[in-house]
């Protein structure tokens, strides 16, 4: 079971990194902060516990939210209208 949880955690971590790359591709500062936060959370929970499957599921859900629900807006200084990129 430990090997399966490790593979699943590694897969969730990779999904999370891919999702941050897609969601924040033009914003280096936010991209690095999101990746650092993901790394810290995975390092804090390195040891397998009772709630490990829930935490892995949470990471996968966060990756899905980043992929599908994040929109970044850029406001141009001379233009009052916002430009949205998806």
C-alpha atoms as a PDB file:
ATOM      1  CA  UNK A   1       0.000   0.000   0.000  1.00  0.00           C
ATOM      2  CA  UNK A   2       2.847   2.411   0.750  1.00  0.00           C
ATOM      3  CA  UNK A   3       4.214   2.083  -2.771  1.00  0.00           C
ATOM      4  CA  UNK A   4       0.803   2.790  -4.286  1.00  0.00           C
ATOM      5  CA  UNK A   5       0.332   5.900  -2.114  1.00  0.00           C
ATOM      6  CA  UNK A   6       3.807   7.136  -3.062  1.00  0.00           C
ATOM      7  CA  UNK A   7       3.098   6.737  -6.761  1.00  0.00           C
ATOM      8  CA  UNK A   8      -0.243   8.443  -6.329  1.00  0.00           C
ATOM      9  CA  UNK A   9       1.309  11.321  -4.360  1.00  0.00           C
ATOM     10  CA  UNK A  10       3.991  11.745  -7.007  1.00  0.00           C
ATOM     11  CA  UNK A  11       1.329  11.793  -9.708  1.00  0.00           C
ATOM     12  CA  UNK A  12      -0.718  14.384  -7.804  1.00  0.00           C
ATOM     13  CA  UNK A  13       2.378  16.551  -7.306  1.00  0.00           C
ATOM     14  CA  UNK A  14       3.180  16.426 -11.019  1.00  0.00           C
ATOM     15  CA  UNK A  15      -0.429  17.281 -11.904  1.00  0.00           C
ATOM     16  CA  UNK A  16      -0.235  20.249  -9.548  1.00  0.00           C
ATOM     17  CA  UNK A  17       3.012  21.503 -11.096  1.00  0.00           C
ATOM     18  CA  UNK A  18       1.579  21.177 -14.612  1.00  0.00           C
ATOM     19  CA  UNK A  19      -1.560  23.037 -13.576  1.00  0.00           C
ATOM     20  CA  UNK A  20       0.456  25.892 -12.055  1.00  0.00           C
ATOM     21  CA  UNK A  21       2.472  26.135 -15.261  1.00  0.00           C
ATOM     22  CA  UNK A  22      -0.720  26.454 -17.316  1.00  0.00           C
ATOM     23  CA  UNK A  23      -2.556  28.805 -14.964  1.00  0.00           C
ATOM     24  CA  UNK A  24       0.327  31.204 -14.300  1.00  0.00           C
ATOM     25  CA  UNK A  25       2.429  30.915 -17.454  1.00  0.00           C
ATOM     26  CA  UNK A  26       2.817  34.684 -17.937  1.00  0.00           C
ATOM     27  CA  UNK A  27       3.192  35.589 -14.257  1.00  0.00           C
ATOM     28  CA  UNK A  28       6.555  34.334 -13.047  1.00  0.00           C
ATOM     29  CA  UNK A  29       6.202  35.695  -9.515  1.00  0.00           C
ATOM     30  CA  UNK A  30       2.888  33.927  -8.891  1.00  0.00           C
ATOM     31  CA  UNK A  31       4.091  30.766 -10.657  1.00  0.00           C
ATOM     32  CA  UNK A  32       7.127  30.478  -8.391  1.00  0.00           C
ATOM     33  CA  UNK A  33       5.048  31.216  -5.276  1.00  0.00           C
ATOM     34  CA  UNK A  34       2.460  28.572  -6.208  1.00  0.00           C
ATOM     35  CA  UNK A  35       5.152  25.976  -6.852  1.00  0.00           C
ATOM     36  CA  UNK A  36       6.892  26.835  -3.593  1.00  0.00           C
ATOM     37  CA  UNK A  37       3.599  26.458  -1.708  1.00  0.00           C
ATOM     38  CA  UNK A  38       2.945  23.081  -3.336  1.00  0.00           C
ATOM     39  CA  UNK A  39       6.451  21.914  -2.454  1.00  0.00           C
ATOM     40  CA  UNK A  40       6.073  23.035   1.173  1.00  0.00           C
ATOM     41  CA  UNK A  41       2.730  21.261   1.539  1.00  0.00           C
ATOM     42  CA  UNK A  42       4.062  18.023   0.079  1.00  0.00           C
ATOM     43  CA  UNK A  43       7.218  18.204   2.222  1.00  0.00           C
ATOM     44  CA  UNK A  44       5.167  18.768   5.389  1.00  0.00           C
ATOM     45  CA  UNK A  45       3.129  15.653   4.631  1.00  0.00           C
ATOM     46  CA  UNK A  46       5.980  13.450   3.445  1.00  0.00           C
ATOM     47  CA  UNK A  47       5.215  10.691   5.937  1.00  0.00           C
ATOM     48  CA  UNK A  48       2.238   8.517   5.108  1.00  0.00           C
ATOM     49  CA  UNK A  49      -0.644   8.782   7.544  1.00  0.00           C
ATOM     50  CA  UNK A  50      -4.302   7.963   7.896  1.00  0.00           C
ATOM     51  CA  UNK A  51      -5.355  11.091   6.002  1.00  0.00           C
ATOM     52  CA  UNK A  52      -2.843  10.694   3.146  1.00  0.00           C
ATOM     53  CA  UNK A  53      -5.462   9.667   0.533  1.00  0.00           C
ATOM     54  CA  UNK A  54      -7.551  12.744   1.429  1.00  0.00           C
ATOM     55  CA  UNK A  55      -4.528  15.021   1.019  1.00  0.00           C
ATOM     56  CA  UNK A  56      -3.632  13.443  -2.317  1.00  0.00           C
ATOM     57  CA  UNK A  57      -7.230  13.900  -3.475  1.00  0.00           C
ATOM     58  CA  UNK A  58      -7.090  17.536  -2.325  1.00  0.00           C
ATOM     59  CA  UNK A  59      -3.953  18.134  -4.418  1.00  0.00           C
ATOM     60  CA  UNK A  60      -5.642  16.646  -7.499  1.00  0.00           C
ATOM     61  CA  UNK A  61      -8.726  18.822  -6.921  1.00  0.00           C
ATOM     62  CA  UNK A  62      -6.552  21.944  -6.582  1.00  0.00           C
ATOM     63  CA  UNK A  63      -4.848  21.047  -9.863  1.00  0.00           C
ATOM     64  CA  UNK A  64      -8.264  20.732 -11.548  1.00  0.00           C
ATOM     65  CA  UNK A  65      -9.357  24.105 -10.176  1.00  0.00           C
ATOM     66  CA  UNK A  66      -6.163  25.731 -11.438  1.00  0.00           C
ATOM     67  CA  UNK A  67      -6.670  24.194 -14.870  1.00  0.00           C
ATOM     68  CA  UNK A  68     -10.334  25.049 -15.300  1.00  0.00           C
ATOM     69  CA  UNK A  69     -11.341  27.940 -13.026  1.00  0.00           C
ATOM     70  CA  UNK A  70      -8.471  30.449 -12.961  1.00  0.00           C
ATOM     71  CA  UNK A  71      -8.589  33.517 -15.198  1.00  0.00           C
ATOM     72  CA  UNK A  72      -5.912  36.179 -15.031  1.00  0.00           C
ATOM     73  CA  UNK A  73      -6.678  39.723 -16.034  1.00  0.00           C
ATOM     74  CA  UNK A  74      -4.321  42.435 -17.236  1.00  0.00           C
ATOM     75  CA  UNK A  75      -5.287  46.078 -17.090  1.00  0.00           C
ATOM     76  CA  UNK A  76      -3.628  48.373 -19.569  1.00  0.00           C
ATOM     77  CA  UNK A  77      -2.603  51.699 -18.062  1.00  0.00           C
ATOM     78  CA  UNK A  78      -4.100  53.905 -20.771  1.00  0.00           C
ATOM     79  CA  UNK A  79      -7.233  51.816 -21.335  1.00  0.00           C
ATOM     80  CA  UNK A  80     -10.101  51.534 -18.840  1.00  0.00           C
ATOM     81  CA  UNK A  81     -11.267  48.183 -20.204  1.00  0.00           C
ATOM     82  CA  UNK A  82      -9.793  44.983 -18.847  1.00  0.00           C
ATOM     83  CA  UNK A  83      -8.304  42.310 -21.077  1.00  0.00           C
ATOM     84  CA  UNK A  84      -8.858  38.712 -20.016  1.00  0.00           C
ATOM     85  CA  UNK A  85      -6.779  35.765 -21.102  1.00  0.00           C
ATOM     86  CA  UNK A  86      -7.976  32.203 -20.690  1.00  0.00           C
END
